[in-house]
Amino acid sequence: MTPETRYAELVRKIAGRPGVTNLSEGRGFGSSGQLKVGGRIFAMLVRDQLVLKLPRERVDELVKHGEGTQFDAGKGKPMREWFVLSPTSSKRWLPLAQEAMTFVKEET
């Protein structure tokens, strides 16, 4: 399954939830799609990889366990609360996206 197909499936499962919007043509960070809650991005597909906004400690934990890396928006400095899921990770996209959605929702 391609990353685009996986992302489309994720959008189908999560976009209808209260306060969640889907922008199929992303504008931020060079993304090709964004999921937002309360007007703030919590998940996006960037260069065929799932990128999620999570608490810094959670990002550090996932990176430490080899599940992915911190996201760099092309400015040469990783963003502490943004995580790029490795294509080889066994982590499921939906639970991570739900975790990111909850985190962003609680921030607002």
Protein backbone atom coordinates (compact mmCIF):
# COMPACT_ATOMS: atom_id res chain seq x y z
CA MET A 1 0.00 0.00 0.00
CA THR A 2 1.42 3.41 -0.96
CA PRO A 3 1.82 6.19 1.62
CA GLU A 4 -0.85 8.19 -0.23
CA THR A 5 -3.29 5.29 0.03
CA ARG A 6 -2.52 4.79 3.71
CA TYR A 7 -2.99 8.50 4.35
CA ALA A 8 -6.29 8.54 2.44
CA GLU A 9 -7.48 5.63 4.60
CA LEU A 10 -6.42 7.51 7.74
CA VAL A 11 -8.31 10.60 6.56
CA ARG A 12 -11.40 8.50 5.84
CA LYS A 13 -11.35 7.11 9.39
CA ILE A 14 -10.64 10.32 11.29
CA ALA A 15 -11.88 13.32 9.26
CA GLY A 16 -15.54 13.04 10.29
CA ARG A 17 -14.83 13.54 13.98
CA PRO A 18 -15.99 16.72 15.73
CA GLY A 19 -13.73 19.69 14.96
CA VAL A 20 -11.54 17.76 12.50
CA THR A 21 -11.01 19.16 9.03
CA ASN A 22 -9.10 17.71 6.10
CA LEU A 23 -7.13 19.79 3.64
CA SER A 24 -6.22 17.53 0.74
CA GLU A 25 -3.79 20.08 -0.62
CA GLY A 26 -1.59 21.10 2.28
CA ARG A 27 0.05 24.46 2.48
CA GLY A 28 2.39 24.13 5.43
CA PHE A 29 5.73 22.34 5.60
CA GLY A 30 5.51 21.14 1.98
CA SER A 31 2.76 18.69 2.84
CA SER A 32 0.45 17.02 0.37
CA GLY A 33 -2.40 16.83 2.88
CA GLN A 34 -3.21 17.98 6.40
CA LEU A 35 -5.58 16.99 9.15
CA LYS A 36 -6.54 19.77 11.54
CA VAL A 37 -8.47 20.02 14.77
CA GLY A 38 -9.59 23.41 16.02
CA GLY A 39 -7.82 24.94 13.01
CA ARG A 40 -4.42 23.50 13.99
CA ILE A 41 -2.51 20.77 12.15
CA PHE A 42 -2.08 17.47 13.98
CA ALA A 43 -1.18 15.12 11.10
CA MET A 44 0.09 15.53 7.55
CA LEU A 45 1.71 13.64 4.73
CA VAL A 46 5.08 15.15 3.83
CA ARG A 47 7.33 13.60 1.20
CA ASP A 48 5.31 10.36 1.49
CA GLN A 49 5.80 10.16 5.26
CA LEU A 50 3.31 10.57 8.10
CA VAL A 51 4.16 13.58 10.28
CA LEU A 52 2.42 14.09 13.63
CA LYS A 53 2.36 16.76 16.33
CA LEU A 54 2.96 15.08 19.68
CA PRO A 55 4.29 16.11 23.09
CA ARG A 56 8.06 16.55 23.11
CA GLU A 57 8.53 13.66 25.57
CA ARG A 58 6.50 11.34 23.34
CA VAL A 59 8.52 12.33 20.27
CA ASP A 60 11.74 11.67 22.20
CA GLU A 61 10.44 8.24 23.29
CA LEU A 62 9.44 7.23 19.76
CA VAL A 63 12.79 8.39 18.35
CA LYS A 64 14.68 6.56 21.11
CA HIS A 65 12.87 3.32 20.18
CA GLY A 66 13.72 3.72 16.49
CA GLU A 67 10.16 4.43 15.34
CA GLY A 68 11.12 7.58 13.41
CA THR A 69 12.76 10.98 13.67
CA GLN A 70 12.02 14.56 14.65
CA PHE A 71 10.55 16.52 11.76
CA ASP A 72 12.69 19.14 10.02
CA ALA A 73 10.70 21.57 7.89
CA GLY A 74 13.76 22.20 5.72
CA LYS A 75 15.29 24.85 7.94
CA GLY A 76 18.04 22.60 9.30
CA LYS A 77 16.60 22.47 12.82
CA PRO A 78 14.38 19.60 14.01
CA MET A 79 11.05 20.63 15.48
CA ARG A 80 10.72 19.16 18.98
CA GLU A 81 6.98 18.47 18.91
CA TRP A 82 6.80 17.07 15.37
CA PHE A 83 7.49 13.42 14.61
CA VAL A 84 8.09 11.63 11.30
CA LEU A 85 7.04 7.99 11.45
CA SER A 86 9.57 5.69 9.83
CA PRO A 87 8.25 3.66 6.88
CA THR A 88 9.68 0.57 8.61
CA SER A 89 7.90 1.23 11.92
CA SER A 90 5.30 -1.28 13.07
CA LYS A 91 3.30 1.51 14.73
CA ARG A 92 -0.23 1.86 13.35
CA TRP A 93 -1.15 5.21 11.83
CA LEU A 94 -4.64 5.61 13.30
CA PRO A 95 -3.73 5.34 17.01
CA LEU A 96 -0.81 7.74 16.55
CA ALA A 97 -3.02 10.21 14.67
CA GLN A 98 -5.64 9.98 17.43
CA GLU A 99 -2.92 10.66 20.00
CA ALA A 100 -1.77 13.69 18.00
CA MET A 101 -5.36 14.93 17.60
CA THR A 102 -5.93 14.71 21.37
CA PHE A 103 -2.66 16.52 22.09
CA VAL A 104 -3.45 19.39 19.71
CA LYS A 105 -7.05 19.62 20.92
CA GLU A 106 -5.85 19.93 24.52
CA GLU A 107 -3.37 22.68 23.56
CA THR A 108 -6.13 24.96 22.27
